[in-house]
Amino acid sequence: MKNIIENIRLYVDAWNETTPKAVKAKFSECCAPDMTYTDKTTPLFTGIYKLVDLVTGSYQKTPGRTFSLLTQPEYFDGQVYYTWAFRYRV
């Protein structure tokens, strides 16, 4: 069984994949099929397929972009805290 830190690494890695099949494969390793997602610009939704669509749409808008962890994830009281970076190569 993976621990939460490994799951966060897989999650961030999924955002760096470029095909729907590869993105789904990574998310399938770290997320439940009925996972939920929201952020400041995205309404709450449920399901890995919608998350795959979000990621692949993001990549289509900014090809070559990458995400990386800047800090070691810390797990406390049911929450995971970490810092990530978004890079875009022109």
Protein backbone atom coordinates (compact mmCIF):
# COMPACT_ATOMS: atom_id res chain seq x y z
CA MET A 1 0.00 0.00 0.00
CA LYS A 2 1.32 3.41 -0.95
CA ASN A 3 1.69 6.09 1.67
CA ILE A 4 0.31 9.60 1.24
CA ILE A 5 3.67 11.08 0.20
CA GLU A 6 4.04 8.55 -2.61
CA ASN A 7 0.47 9.34 -3.69
CA ILE A 8 1.25 13.06 -3.87
CA ARG A 9 4.31 12.36 -6.01
CA LEU A 10 2.23 10.21 -8.38
CA TYR A 11 -0.44 12.92 -8.49
CA VAL A 12 2.06 15.63 -9.46
CA ASP A 13 3.69 13.28 -11.97
CA ALA A 14 0.29 12.71 -13.60
CA TRP A 15 0.09 16.42 -14.41
CA ASN A 16 3.33 16.05 -16.40
CA GLU A 17 2.00 13.33 -18.67
CA THR A 18 0.95 14.38 -22.16
CA THR A 19 -1.60 11.78 -23.27
CA PRO A 20 -4.97 10.93 -21.70
CA LYS A 21 -3.95 7.27 -21.38
CA ALA A 22 -0.74 8.13 -19.46
CA VAL A 23 -2.49 10.70 -17.26
CA LYS A 24 -5.24 8.20 -16.36
CA ALA A 25 -2.67 5.49 -15.60
CA LYS A 26 -0.90 7.74 -13.07
CA PHE A 27 -4.12 8.94 -11.47
CA SER A 28 -5.37 5.36 -11.22
CA GLU A 29 -2.35 4.60 -9.03
CA CYS A 30 -3.05 7.39 -6.55
CA CYS A 31 -6.72 8.39 -6.73
CA ALA A 32 -10.03 6.64 -6.12
CA PRO A 33 -12.22 6.41 -9.25
CA ASP A 34 -14.81 8.65 -7.57
CA MET A 35 -12.33 11.26 -6.37
CA THR A 36 -13.43 14.90 -6.17
CA TYR A 37 -11.51 17.96 -7.34
CA THR A 38 -11.83 21.73 -7.20
CA ASP A 39 -9.55 24.75 -7.26
CA LYS A 40 -9.99 28.52 -7.52
CA THR A 41 -10.84 28.34 -11.22
CA THR A 42 -12.53 24.93 -11.46
CA PRO A 43 -15.92 23.98 -10.05
CA LEU A 44 -16.12 20.86 -7.92
CA PHE A 45 -16.37 17.67 -9.98
CA THR A 46 -16.16 13.93 -9.37
CA GLY A 47 -14.30 11.23 -11.27
CA ILE A 48 -10.87 10.45 -12.69
CA TYR A 49 -12.04 10.92 -16.30
CA LYS A 50 -12.96 14.55 -15.62
CA LEU A 51 -9.60 15.07 -13.94
CA VAL A 52 -7.87 13.55 -16.97
CA ASP A 53 -9.78 16.01 -19.17
CA LEU A 54 -8.67 18.91 -16.96
CA VAL A 55 -5.02 17.87 -17.16
CA THR A 56 -4.98 17.23 -20.89
CA GLY A 57 -6.83 20.50 -21.50
CA SER A 58 -4.23 22.28 -19.40
CA TYR A 59 -1.45 20.73 -21.44
CA GLN A 60 -3.13 21.74 -24.70
CA LYS A 61 -3.34 25.37 -23.48
CA THR A 62 0.30 25.40 -22.31
CA PRO A 63 2.29 22.65 -24.06
CA GLY A 64 5.64 22.02 -22.46
CA ARG A 65 4.52 23.11 -19.01
CA THR A 66 5.67 21.03 -16.05
CA PHE A 67 4.80 20.72 -12.40
CA SER A 68 7.22 19.78 -9.65
CA LEU A 69 7.24 19.42 -5.88
CA LEU A 70 9.29 22.08 -4.13
CA THR A 71 8.85 20.75 -0.61
CA GLN A 72 8.50 17.34 0.98
CA PRO A 73 4.77 16.70 1.54
CA GLU A 74 3.77 16.78 5.19
CA TYR A 75 0.72 14.94 6.47
CA PHE A 76 -1.07 16.25 9.54
CA ASP A 77 -4.61 15.86 10.89
CA GLY A 78 -6.03 14.46 7.65
CA GLN A 79 -4.45 17.12 5.44
CA VAL A 80 -1.37 17.08 3.22
CA TYR A 81 0.68 20.23 2.83
CA TYR A 82 3.24 20.76 0.08
CA THR A 83 4.55 23.44 -2.24
CA TRP A 84 4.60 22.89 -5.97
CA ALA A 85 5.88 24.84 -8.97
CA PHE A 86 4.54 25.40 -12.45
CA ARG A 87 7.11 25.95 -15.19
CA TYR A 88 6.48 26.90 -18.75
CA ARG A 89 9.15 26.68 -21.42
CA VAL A 90 8.71 29.08 -24.32
